[in-house]
C-alpha atoms as a PDB file:
ATOM      1  CA  MET A   1      16.273  37.744 -48.372  1.00  0.00           C
ATOM      2  CA  ASN A   2      14.014  34.992 -49.487  1.00  0.00           C
ATOM      3  CA  HIS A   3      14.448  34.161 -53.348  1.00  0.00           C
ATOM      4  CA  ARG A   4      11.783  32.553 -55.417  1.00  0.00           C
ATOM      5  CA  LEU A   5      14.598  31.120 -57.680  1.00  0.00           C
ATOM      6  CA  ASP A   6      18.043  29.817 -57.230  1.00  0.00           C
ATOM      7  CA  VAL A   7      19.510  30.451 -60.619  1.00  0.00           C
ATOM      8  CA  VAL A   8      18.465  32.197 -63.791  1.00  0.00           C
ATOM      9  CA  THR A   9      20.178  32.205 -67.087  1.00  0.00           C
ATOM     10  CA  PHE A  10      19.686  33.665 -70.591  1.00  0.00           C
ATOM     11  CA  GLY A  11      20.561  31.944 -73.783  1.00  0.00           C
ATOM     12  CA  GLU A  12      19.765  30.344 -77.028  1.00  0.00           C
ATOM     13  CA  ALA A  13      18.530  26.727 -77.301  1.00  0.00           C
ATOM     14  CA  MET A  14      18.857  24.729 -80.508  1.00  0.00           C
ATOM     15  CA  MET A  15      17.560  21.495 -81.599  1.00  0.00           C
ATOM     16  CA  MET A  16      20.507  19.184 -82.194  1.00  0.00           C
ATOM     17  CA  LEU A  17      20.605  16.408 -84.757  1.00  0.00           C
ATOM     18  CA  VAL A  18      23.436  13.831 -84.063  1.00  0.00           C
ATOM     19  CA  ALA A  19      24.675  11.487 -86.701  1.00  0.00           C
ATOM     20  CA  ASP A  20      24.376   7.898 -86.388  1.00  0.00           C
ATOM     21  CA  ARG A  21      27.848   7.005 -87.444  1.00  0.00           C
ATOM     22  CA  PRO A  22      31.434   8.438 -87.765  1.00  0.00           C
ATOM     23  CA  GLY A  23      32.395  10.297 -90.861  1.00  0.00           C
ATOM     24  CA  PRO A  24      31.257  13.473 -92.759  1.00  0.00           C
ATOM     25  CA  ILE A  25      27.942  14.680 -91.728  1.00  0.00           C
ATOM     26  CA  GLU A  26      26.532  14.332 -95.280  1.00  0.00           C
ATOM     27  CA  GLN A  27      27.050  10.598 -95.292  1.00  0.00           C
ATOM     28  CA  ALA A  28      24.940  10.033 -92.232  1.00  0.00           C
ATOM     29  CA  ASP A  29      21.533   8.320 -92.876  1.00  0.00           C
ATOM     30  CA  ILE A  30      20.064   8.639 -89.423  1.00  0.00           C
ATOM     31  CA  PHE A  31      20.177  11.654 -86.807  1.00  0.00           C
ATOM     32  CA  THR A  32      19.094  11.469 -83.141  1.00  0.00           C
ATOM     33  CA  LYS A  33      17.267  14.496 -81.880  1.00  0.00           C
ATOM     34  CA  GLY A  34      18.359  16.289 -78.699  1.00  0.00           C
ATOM     35  CA  THR A  35      18.769  19.739 -77.124  1.00  0.00           C
ATOM     36  CA  ALA A  36      21.858  21.927 -77.355  1.00  0.00           C
ATOM     37  CA  GLY A  37      22.795  25.254 -75.824  1.00  0.00           C
ATOM     38  CA  ALA A  38      25.435  26.148 -73.255  1.00  0.00           C
ATOM     39  CA  GLU A  39      23.227  27.962 -70.887  1.00  0.00           C
ATOM     40  CA  THR A  40      20.359  25.355 -71.324  1.00  0.00           C
ATOM     41  CA  ASN A  41      22.869  22.490 -70.533  1.00  0.00           C
ATOM     42  CA  VAL A  42      23.744  24.143 -67.244  1.00  0.00           C
ATOM     43  CA  ALA A  43      20.035  24.786 -66.526  1.00  0.00           C
ATOM     44  CA  ILE A  44      19.111  21.242 -67.018  1.00  0.00           C
ATOM     45  CA  GLY A  45      22.229  20.108 -64.883  1.00  0.00           C
ATOM     46  CA  LEU A  46      21.137  22.360 -61.953  1.00  0.00           C
ATOM     47  CA  ALA A  47      17.491  21.393 -62.241  1.00  0.00           C
ATOM     48  CA  ARG A  48      18.498  17.658 -62.069  1.00  0.00           C
ATOM     49  CA  LEU A  49      20.194  18.399 -58.766  1.00  0.00           C
ATOM     50  CA  GLY A  50      17.019  20.040 -57.252  1.00  0.00           C
ATOM     51  CA  PHE A  51      17.725  23.668 -57.770  1.00  0.00           C
ATOM     52  CA  ARG A  52      14.887  26.106 -58.891  1.00  0.00           C
ATOM     53  CA  VAL A  53      16.252  27.182 -62.221  1.00  0.00           C
ATOM     54  CA  ALA A  54      14.772  29.476 -64.638  1.00  0.00           C
ATOM     55  CA  TRP A  55      15.637  30.251 -68.231  1.00  0.00           C
ATOM     56  CA  ALA A  56      14.936  33.246 -70.520  1.00  0.00           C
ATOM     57  CA  SER A  57      15.032  32.980 -74.335  1.00  0.00           C
ATOM     58  CA  ARG A  58      13.051  33.259 -77.514  1.00  0.00           C
ATOM     59  CA  LEU A  59      11.866  30.294 -79.716  1.00  0.00           C
ATOM     60  CA  GLY A  60       9.900  29.981 -82.770  1.00  0.00           C
ATOM     61  CA  THR A  61       6.489  28.304 -82.723  1.00  0.00           C
ATOM     62  CA  ASP A  62       7.840  25.855 -85.287  1.00  0.00           C
ATOM     63  CA  SER A  63       8.224  22.049 -84.440  1.00  0.00           C
ATOM     64  CA  MET A  64      11.785  22.635 -83.234  1.00  0.00           C
ATOM     65  CA  GLY A  65      10.709  25.364 -80.854  1.00  0.00           C
ATOM     66  CA  ARG A  66       7.849  23.311 -79.440  1.00  0.00           C
ATOM     67  CA  TYR A  67      10.255  20.328 -78.905  1.00  0.00           C
ATOM     68  CA  LEU A  68      12.842  22.470 -76.984  1.00  0.00           C
ATOM     69  CA  LEU A  69      10.303  24.125 -74.864  1.00  0.00           C
ATOM     70  CA  ALA A  70       8.771  20.771 -73.916  1.00  0.00           C
ATOM     71  CA  GLU A  71      12.032  19.237 -73.212  1.00  0.00           C
ATOM     72  CA  MET A  72      13.224  21.983 -70.970  1.00  0.00           C
ATOM     73  CA  ARG A  73       9.912  21.913 -69.072  1.00  0.00           C
ATOM     74  CA  ARG A  74      10.227  18.050 -68.629  1.00  0.00           C
ATOM     75  CA  GLU A  75      13.661  18.714 -67.052  1.00  0.00           C
ATOM     76  CA  GLY A  76      11.921  21.044 -64.506  1.00  0.00           C
ATOM     77  CA  VAL A  77      13.339  24.163 -65.737  1.00  0.00           C
ATOM     78  CA  ASP A  78      11.026  27.452 -65.385  1.00  0.00           C
ATOM     79  CA  CYS A  79      10.280  28.623 -68.866  1.00  0.00           C
ATOM     80  CA  SER A  80       7.989  31.385 -68.011  1.00  0.00           C
ATOM     81  CA  ARG A  81      10.294  33.932 -69.519  1.00  0.00           C
ATOM     82  CA  VAL A  82      10.785  32.163 -72.892  1.00  0.00           C
ATOM     83  CA  VAL A  83       8.803  34.124 -75.665  1.00  0.00           C
ATOM     84  CA  CYS A  84       7.512  31.943 -78.576  1.00  0.00           C
ATOM     85  CA  ASP A  85       7.359  34.144 -81.691  1.00  0.00           C
ATOM     86  CA  PRO A  86       5.364  32.847 -84.704  1.00  0.00           C
ATOM     87  CA  ALA A  87       7.167  35.208 -87.054  1.00  0.00           C
ATOM     88  CA  GLN A  88      10.727  33.736 -86.296  1.00  0.00           C
ATOM     89  CA  SER A  89      12.471  30.484 -86.615  1.00  0.00           C
ATOM     90  CA  THR A  90      14.288  28.354 -83.983  1.00  0.00           C
ATOM     91  CA  GLY A  91      18.038  27.594 -84.440  1.00  0.00           C
ATOM     92  CA  PHE A  92      19.326  23.991 -84.894  1.00  0.00           C
ATOM     93  CA  LEU A  93      22.601  22.047 -85.619  1.00  0.00           C
ATOM     94  CA  PHE A  94      23.875  18.959 -87.073  1.00  0.00           C
ATOM     95  CA  LYS A  95      26.596  17.203 -85.123  1.00  0.00           C
ATOM     96  CA  GLY A  96      28.727  14.518 -86.537  1.00  0.00           C
ATOM     97  CA  ARG A  97      30.486  11.538 -84.806  1.00  0.00           C
ATOM     98  CA  VAL A  98      34.219  10.808 -84.378  1.00  0.00           C
ATOM     99  CA  ALA A  99      35.429   7.194 -84.053  1.00  0.00           C
ATOM    100  CA  GLU A 100      37.849   7.765 -81.079  1.00  0.00           C
ATOM    101  CA  GLY A 101      36.267  10.573 -78.951  1.00  0.00           C
ATOM    102  CA  GLY A 102      37.335  14.239 -79.089  1.00  0.00           C
ATOM    103  CA  ASP A 103      35.734  17.240 -80.847  1.00  0.00           C
ATOM    104  CA  PRO A 104      33.018  16.134 -83.394  1.00  0.00           C
ATOM    105  CA  PRO A 105      32.276  18.354 -86.414  1.00  0.00           C
ATOM    106  CA  VAL A 106      29.299  20.680 -85.835  1.00  0.00           C
ATOM    107  CA  GLU A 107      27.300  22.591 -88.319  1.00  0.00           C
ATOM    108  CA  TYR A 108      25.132  25.396 -87.049  1.00  0.00           C
ATOM    109  CA  HIS A 109      22.016  26.929 -88.554  1.00  0.00           C
ATOM    110  CA  ARG A 110      21.204  29.829 -86.133  1.00  0.00           C
ATOM    111  CA  LYS A 111      21.703  33.027 -88.158  1.00  0.00           C
ATOM    112  CA  GLY A 112      18.593  35.261 -87.874  1.00  0.00           C
ATOM    113  CA  SER A 113      17.013  32.903 -85.138  1.00  0.00           C
ATOM    114  CA  ALA A 114      14.311  34.022 -82.659  1.00  0.00           C
ATOM    115  CA  ALA A 115      17.057  34.055 -79.852  1.00  0.00           C
ATOM    116  CA  SER A 116      19.405  36.365 -81.842  1.00  0.00           C
ATOM    117  CA  LEU A 117      16.622  39.030 -81.641  1.00  0.00           C
ATOM    118  CA  MET A 118      16.750  39.260 -77.841  1.00  0.00           C
ATOM    119  CA  GLY A 119      17.928  42.457 -76.361  1.00  0.00           C
ATOM    120  CA  PRO A 120      18.014  44.534 -73.165  1.00  0.00           C
ATOM    121  CA  ASP A 121      14.383  44.999 -73.148  1.00  0.00           C
ATOM    122  CA  ASP A 122      14.067  41.206 -72.616  1.00  0.00           C
ATOM    123  CA  VAL A 123      15.718  41.642 -69.180  1.00  0.00           C
ATOM    124  CA  ASP A 124      12.868  41.483 -66.583  1.00  0.00           C
ATOM    125  CA  GLU A 125      14.495  43.204 -63.600  1.00  0.00           C
ATOM    126  CA  ALA A 126      12.167  42.050 -60.964  1.00  0.00           C
ATOM    127  CA  TRP A 127      12.310  38.429 -62.380  1.00  0.00           C
ATOM    128  CA  LEU A 128      16.018  38.531 -62.324  1.00  0.00           C
ATOM    129  CA  LYS A 129      16.396  39.809 -58.838  1.00  0.00           C
ATOM    130  CA  SER A 130      13.967  37.061 -57.562  1.00  0.00           C
ATOM    131  CA  ALA A 131      17.052  34.617 -58.025  1.00  0.00           C
ATOM    132  CA  ARG A 132      20.117  34.422 -55.910  1.00  0.00           C
ATOM    133  CA  HIS A 133      22.425  33.513 -58.754  1.00  0.00           C
ATOM    134  CA  MET A 134      22.863  34.007 -62.510  1.00  0.00           C
ATOM    135  CA  HIS A 135      24.922  31.908 -64.873  1.00  0.00           C
ATOM    136  CA  ALA A 136      26.128  33.529 -68.163  1.00  0.00           C
ATOM    137  CA  THR A 137      28.281  32.340 -70.930  1.00  0.00           C
ATOM    138  CA  GLY A 138      30.110  34.152 -73.807  1.00  0.00           C
ATOM    139  CA  VAL A 139      27.832  32.279 -76.287  1.00  0.00           C
ATOM    140  CA  PHE A 140      24.693  34.463 -75.689  1.00  0.00           C
ATOM    141  CA  ALA A 141      26.828  37.671 -75.898  1.00  0.00           C
ATOM    142  CA  ALA A 142      28.269  36.577 -79.274  1.00  0.00           C
ATOM    143  CA  VAL A 143      25.030  35.680 -80.889  1.00  0.00           C
ATOM    144  CA  SER A 144      24.194  39.327 -81.955  1.00  0.00           C
ATOM    145  CA  ASP A 145      24.797  42.986 -80.910  1.00  0.00           C
ATOM    146  CA  THR A 146      21.447  42.998 -78.994  1.00  0.00           C
ATOM    147  CA  THR A 147      22.124  39.855 -77.155  1.00  0.00           C
ATOM    148  CA  LEU A 148      25.567  41.364 -75.981  1.00  0.00           C
ATOM    149  CA  GLU A 149      23.660  44.307 -74.636  1.00  0.00           C
ATOM    150  CA  ALA A 150      21.085  41.932 -72.902  1.00  0.00           C
ATOM    151  CA  ALA A 151      24.174  40.134 -71.335  1.00  0.00           C
ATOM    152  CA  CYS A 152      25.762  43.240 -70.037  1.00  0.00           C
ATOM    153  CA  LYS A 153      22.574  44.579 -68.576  1.00  0.00           C
ATOM    154  CA  SER A 154      21.521  41.227 -66.875  1.00  0.00           C
ATOM    155  CA  MET A 155      24.967  40.788 -65.258  1.00  0.00           C
ATOM    156  CA  GLU A 156      25.199  44.378 -64.040  1.00  0.00           C
ATOM    157  CA  LEU A 157      21.671  44.085 -62.626  1.00  0.00           C
ATOM    158  CA  MET A 158      22.504  41.020 -60.710  1.00  0.00           C
ATOM    159  CA  LYS A 159      25.469  42.209 -59.240  1.00  0.00           C
ATOM    160  CA  SER A 160      23.838  45.460 -58.163  1.00  0.00           C
ATOM    161  CA  ALA A 161      21.084  43.456 -56.471  1.00  0.00           C
ATOM    162  CA  GLY A 162      23.728  41.566 -54.382  1.00  0.00           C
ATOM    163  CA  GLY A 163      23.342  38.304 -56.257  1.00  0.00           C
ATOM    164  CA  SER A 164      26.211  36.216 -57.504  1.00  0.00           C
ATOM    165  CA  VAL A 165      27.098  35.747 -61.077  1.00  0.00           C
ATOM    166  CA  SER A 166      29.163  32.908 -62.754  1.00  0.00           C
ATOM    167  CA  PHE A 167      30.634  33.288 -66.263  1.00  0.00           C
ATOM    168  CA  ASP A 168      32.023  30.776 -68.614  1.00  0.00           C
ATOM    169  CA  PRO A 169      33.894  32.414 -71.497  1.00  0.00           C
ATOM    170  CA  ASN A 170      32.854  29.499 -73.840  1.00  0.00           C
ATOM    171  CA  LEU A 171      34.490  31.117 -76.886  1.00  0.00           C
ATOM    172  CA  ARG A 172      32.945  31.004 -80.171  1.00  0.00           C
ATOM    173  CA  PRO A 173      35.257  32.739 -82.718  1.00  0.00           C
ATOM    174  CA  SER A 174      32.847  32.253 -85.748  1.00  0.00           C
ATOM    175  CA  LEU A 175      30.160  34.404 -83.891  1.00  0.00           C
ATOM    176  CA  TRP A 176      32.441  37.409 -83.411  1.00  0.00           C
ATOM    177  CA  ARG A 177      33.529  39.791 -86.160  1.00  0.00           C
ATOM    178  CA  THR A 178      37.290  39.728 -85.020  1.00  0.00           C
ATOM    179  CA  PRO A 179      39.394  37.849 -82.372  1.00  0.00           C
ATOM    180  CA  GLU A 180      40.199  41.248 -80.850  1.00  0.00           C
ATOM    181  CA  LEU A 181      36.392  42.128 -80.331  1.00  0.00           C
ATOM    182  CA  MET A 182      35.862  38.759 -78.875  1.00  0.00           C
ATOM    183  CA  ARG A 183      38.826  39.226 -76.458  1.00  0.00           C
ATOM    184  CA  HIS A 184      37.670  42.698 -75.319  1.00  0.00           C
ATOM    185  CA  TRP A 185      34.042  41.744 -74.680  1.00  0.00           C
ATOM    186  CA  ILE A 186      34.650  38.475 -73.002  1.00  0.00           C
ATOM    187  CA  ASN A 187      37.089  40.114 -70.658  1.00  0.00           C
ATOM    188  CA  SER A 188      34.562  42.921 -70.030  1.00  0.00           C
ATOM    189  CA  LEU A 189      31.928  40.394 -69.092  1.00  0.00           C
ATOM    190  CA  SER A 190      34.295  38.451 -66.941  1.00  0.00           C
ATOM    191  CA  ALA A 191      34.862  41.508 -64.913  1.00  0.00           C
ATOM    192  CA  ARG A 192      31.097  41.730 -64.163  1.00  0.00           C
ATOM    193  CA  ALA A 193      31.218  38.193 -62.667  1.00  0.00           C
ATOM    194  CA  ASP A 194      32.052  36.768 -59.316  1.00  0.00           C
ATOM    195  CA  TRP A 195      33.121  33.304 -60.601  1.00  0.00           C
ATOM    196  CA  VAL A 196      34.991  32.972 -63.913  1.00  0.00           C
ATOM    197  CA  LEU A 197      35.461  29.405 -65.512  1.00  0.00           C
ATOM    198  CA  PRO A 198      37.935  29.603 -68.480  1.00  0.00           C
ATOM    199  CA  GLY A 199      39.547  26.732 -70.287  1.00  0.00           C
ATOM    200  CA  LEU A 200      43.411  26.751 -70.315  1.00  0.00           C
ATOM    201  CA  GLU A 201      43.542  27.688 -73.961  1.00  0.00           C
ATOM    202  CA  GLU A 202      40.741  30.149 -73.730  1.00  0.00           C
ATOM    203  CA  GLY A 203      42.506  31.839 -70.761  1.00  0.00           C
ATOM    204  CA  ARG A 204      45.749  31.992 -72.606  1.00  0.00           C
ATOM    205  CA  PHE A 205      44.098  33.670 -75.588  1.00  0.00           C
ATOM    206  CA  LEU A 206      42.142  36.184 -73.366  1.00  0.00           C
ATOM    207  CA  THR A 207      44.812  37.102 -70.918  1.00  0.00           C
ATOM    208  CA  GLY A 208      48.142  36.604 -72.674  1.00  0.00           C
ATOM    209  CA  GLN A 209      49.192  34.489 -69.668  1.00  0.00           C
ATOM    210  CA  ALA A 210      50.678  31.106 -70.197  1.00  0.00           C
ATOM    211  CA  THR A 211      50.032  29.410 -66.886  1.00  0.00           C
ATOM    212  CA  PRO A 212      46.774  28.652 -64.846  1.00  0.00           C
ATOM    213  CA  GLU A 213      48.242  30.792 -62.094  1.00  0.00           C
ATOM    214  CA  GLY A 214      48.895  33.740 -64.416  1.00  0.00           C
ATOM    215  CA  ILE A 215      45.240  33.435 -65.904  1.00  0.00           C
ATOM    216  CA  ALA A 216      43.817  33.280 -62.363  1.00  0.00           C
ATOM    217  CA  ALA A 217      45.885  36.378 -61.354  1.00  0.00           C
ATOM    218  CA  TYR A 218      44.724  38.388 -64.310  1.00  0.00           C
ATOM    219  CA  TYR A 219      40.886  37.918 -63.471  1.00  0.00           C
ATOM    220  CA  LEU A 220      41.354  38.321 -59.776  1.00  0.00           C
ATOM    221  CA  ALA A 221      42.941  41.704 -60.551  1.00  0.00           C
ATOM    222  CA  LEU A 222      39.634  42.599 -62.290  1.00  0.00           C
ATOM    223  CA  GLY A 223      37.861  42.010 -59.043  1.00  0.00           C
ATOM    224  CA  VAL A 224      36.643  38.475 -59.761  1.00  0.00           C
ATOM    225  CA  GLN A 225      36.335  36.526 -56.504  1.00  0.00           C
ATOM    226  CA  LEU A 226      36.923  32.978 -57.893  1.00  0.00           C
ATOM    227  CA  VAL A 227      38.716  31.723 -60.974  1.00  0.00           C
ATOM    228  CA  VAL A 228      38.605  28.146 -61.932  1.00  0.00           C
ATOM    229  CA  VAL A 229      40.777  27.101 -65.008  1.00  0.00           C
ATOM    230  CA  LYS A 230      39.704  23.949 -66.652  1.00  0.00           C
ATOM    231  CA  LEU A 231      42.612  21.617 -67.548  1.00  0.00           C
ATOM    232  CA  GLY A 232      40.685  18.775 -69.448  1.00  0.00           C
ATOM    233  CA  PRO A 233      41.865  15.421 -68.291  1.00  0.00           C
ATOM    234  CA  ASP A 234      44.354  16.973 -65.832  1.00  0.00           C
ATOM    235  CA  GLY A 235      41.468  18.364 -63.853  1.00  0.00           C
ATOM    236  CA  ALA A 236      41.569  22.132 -62.779  1.00  0.00           C
ATOM    237  CA  TYR A 237      43.281  24.891 -61.073  1.00  0.00           C
ATOM    238  CA  PHE A 238      41.438  27.432 -58.824  1.00  0.00           C
ATOM    239  CA  GLU A 239      42.229  30.454 -56.937  1.00  0.00           C
ATOM    240  CA  GLN A 240      39.841  32.375 -54.609  1.00  0.00           C
ATOM    241  CA  ALA A 241      40.377  35.786 -53.299  1.00  0.00           C
ATOM    242  CA  GLY A 242      39.078  37.443 -50.151  1.00  0.00           C
ATOM    243  CA  PRO A 243      38.761  36.201 -46.449  1.00  0.00           C
ATOM    244  CA  MET A 244      38.110  32.654 -47.720  1.00  0.00           C
ATOM    245  CA  ALA A 245      41.251  32.734 -49.898  1.00  0.00           C
ATOM    246  CA  ALA A 246      42.212  29.248 -51.235  1.00  0.00           C
ATOM    247  CA  GLY A 247      43.833  27.812 -54.298  1.00  0.00           C
ATOM    248  CA  GLY A 248      45.464  24.917 -55.994  1.00  0.00           C
ATOM    249  CA  TYR A 249      45.155  21.953 -58.367  1.00  0.00           C
ATOM    250  CA  VAL A 250      42.395  19.358 -58.452  1.00  0.00           C
ATOM    251  CA  ALA A 251      43.285  16.178 -60.281  1.00  0.00           C
ATOM    252  CA  GLY A 252      41.158  14.783 -63.010  1.00  0.00           C
ATOM    253  CA  PHE A 253      38.886  11.684 -62.611  1.00  0.00           C
ATOM    254  CA  PRO A 254      39.784   8.625 -64.565  1.00  0.00           C
ATOM    255  CA  VAL A 255      37.892   8.166 -67.800  1.00  0.00           C
ATOM    256  CA  ALA A 256      37.629   4.804 -69.481  1.00  0.00           C
ATOM    257  CA  GLU A 257      36.853   6.131 -72.898  1.00  0.00           C
ATOM    258  CA  VAL A 258      36.344   9.633 -74.251  1.00  0.00           C
ATOM    259  CA  VAL A 259      33.293   9.560 -76.313  1.00  0.00           C
ATOM    260  CA  ASP A 260      32.399  13.232 -76.965  1.00  0.00           C
ATOM    261  CA  THR A 261      33.951  16.299 -75.318  1.00  0.00           C
ATOM    262  CA  VAL A 262      31.092  18.675 -76.300  1.00  0.00           C
ATOM    263  CA  GLY A 263      29.174  19.798 -73.132  1.00  0.00           C
ATOM    264  CA  ALA A 264      32.003  18.869 -70.648  1.00  0.00           C
ATOM    265  CA  GLY A 265      32.575  22.453 -69.733  1.00  0.00           C
ATOM    266  CA  ASP A 266      28.873  23.019 -69.141  1.00  0.00           C
ATOM    267  CA  GLY A 267      28.915  19.967 -66.878  1.00  0.00           C
ATOM    268  CA  PHE A 268      31.998  21.311 -65.062  1.00  0.00           C
ATOM    269  CA  ALA A 269      29.997  24.454 -64.518  1.00  0.00           C
ATOM    270  CA  VAL A 270      26.981  22.617 -63.058  1.00  0.00           C
ATOM    271  CA  GLY A 271      29.344  21.056 -60.367  1.00  0.00           C
ATOM    272  CA  VAL A 272      31.060  24.274 -59.385  1.00  0.00           C
ATOM    273  CA  ILE A 273      28.057  26.354 -59.312  1.00  0.00           C
ATOM    274  CA  SER A 274      25.855  23.743 -57.451  1.00  0.00           C
ATOM    275  CA  GLY A 275      28.695  23.215 -54.907  1.00  0.00           C
ATOM    276  CA  LEU A 276      29.171  26.872 -54.094  1.00  0.00           C
ATOM    277  CA  LEU A 277      25.539  27.571 -53.873  1.00  0.00           C
ATOM    278  CA  GLU A 278      25.234  24.738 -51.528  1.00  0.00           C
ATOM    279  CA  GLY A 279      28.001  26.318 -49.222  1.00  0.00           C
ATOM    280  CA  LEU A 280      30.803  23.887 -50.105  1.00  0.00           C
ATOM    281  CA  ALA A 281      34.364  25.055 -49.877  1.00  0.00           C
ATOM    282  CA  SER A 282      35.838  26.009 -53.224  1.00  0.00           C
ATOM    283  CA  LEU A 283      38.026  23.054 -53.334  1.00  0.00           C
ATOM    284  CA  ASP A 284      35.143  20.572 -53.012  1.00  0.00           C
ATOM    285  CA  ALA A 285      33.081  22.548 -55.429  1.00  0.00           C
ATOM    286  CA  VAL A 286      35.747  22.475 -57.998  1.00  0.00           C
ATOM    287  CA  ARG A 287      36.262  18.863 -57.295  1.00  0.00           C
ATOM    288  CA  ARG A 288      32.499  18.144 -58.101  1.00  0.00           C
ATOM    289  CA  GLY A 289      33.034  20.059 -61.298  1.00  0.00           C
ATOM    290  CA  VAL A 290      35.769  17.910 -62.314  1.00  0.00           C
ATOM    291  CA  TRP A 291      33.853  14.836 -61.622  1.00  0.00           C
ATOM    292  CA  ILE A 292      30.791  15.826 -63.653  1.00  0.00           C
ATOM    293  CA  GLY A 293      32.969  17.032 -66.581  1.00  0.00           C
ATOM    294  CA  ALA A 294      34.587  13.478 -66.661  1.00  0.00           C
ATOM    295  CA  ARG A 295      31.149  12.003 -66.792  1.00  0.00           C
ATOM    296  CA  ALA A 296      30.129  14.303 -69.606  1.00  0.00           C
ATOM    297  CA  VAL A 297      32.900  13.229 -71.957  1.00  0.00           C
ATOM    298  CA  GLN A 298      31.764   9.579 -71.685  1.00  0.00           C
ATOM    299  CA  VAL A 299      28.486   9.988 -73.405  1.00  0.00           C
ATOM    300  CA  ARG A 300      27.222  11.122 -76.735  1.00  0.00           C
ATOM    301  CA  GLY A 301      24.838  13.886 -76.040  1.00  0.00           C
ATOM    302  CA  ASP A 302      25.385  17.277 -74.210  1.00  0.00           C
ATOM    303  CA  THR A 303      23.192  16.530 -71.205  1.00  0.00           C
ATOM    304  CA  GLU A 304      23.102  12.652 -70.829  1.00  0.00           C
ATOM    305  CA  GLY A 305      26.087  12.668 -68.332  1.00  0.00           C
ATOM    306  CA  LEU A 306      24.643  15.260 -66.029  1.00  0.00           C
ATOM    307  CA  PRO A 307      23.983  13.628 -62.775  1.00  0.00           C
ATOM    308  CA  THR A 308      21.021  13.444 -60.482  1.00  0.00           C
ATOM    309  CA  ARG A 309      21.183  14.270 -56.813  1.00  0.00           C
ATOM    310  CA  ALA A 310      21.337  10.371 -56.162  1.00  0.00           C
ATOM    311  CA  ASP A 311      24.357  10.050 -58.451  1.00  0.00           C
ATOM    312  CA  LEU A 312      26.069  12.856 -56.550  1.00  0.00           C
ATOM    313  CA  ASP A 313      25.286  11.114 -53.134  1.00  0.00           C
ATOM    314  CA  SER A 314      26.537   7.797 -54.453  1.00  0.00           C
ATOM    315  CA  ALA A 315      29.849   9.417 -55.415  1.00  0.00           C
ATOM    316  CA  GLY A 316      30.322  11.130 -52.138  1.00  0.00           C
ATOM    317  CA  LEU A 317      30.220  14.526 -53.752  1.00  0.00           C
END
């Protein structure tokens, strides 16, 4: 089947304001503008590698919405399924800085945003099926009850059409009413995917298993074809089921300085998804993911570390 698109994704984009210096956010004087959003980070990363990527969402027609739409188009992402609603506002966030890398403080302003109003009626079945792959995350599902419905519907439609689906749990406890509800729905969505990409601590919470091997076994038993457990600086563990069964550990790449860990998981997903869509063996796709994740932690923004095709070629990946 000839597909018009390679990858589609649904998700909320927010304007990100990054503080100019370490310390409490309220003490910063200057903020740098950027884009934020788990799904849009992945969309941008795949577009930079030459994939035909489309993103569905809702934005306000405010200055933040106009900025985000322009940035996504500049990156080469198809935004034809982005609705701009003059009656709604666009979400944004403040991101602090930390002196020695790690997780910076983040303050979200997304309640009641245009994207939170998305629902199952926003899933265009013909458009969705024009792609060969869909990437989903637990963030979009957590934004509201209706985005959860949209996430379930879109993943089910893609699977029924014979396309592949990747899913990053990307846990956001503050968006769920209870941890138990989060665990239930994230695992339910994982079971709808072909490739699941949890972090180690996420996997432990979601499955009750302590080891990467145990986490992988849990999701493989749900029918997932490939599980990749992210291990931070130690790399990743993966296990693939079926006739192409494989598995093992992939070592991390050396990092001179950790500047900002936010967005590293999205970069990791870009590597794995791009590799698998290009027909690489799972080992090589995971290795690419580990390499991009290592690049991502060495820069300040969410997408600055995402490579171009020339960068991949130079690295032999």
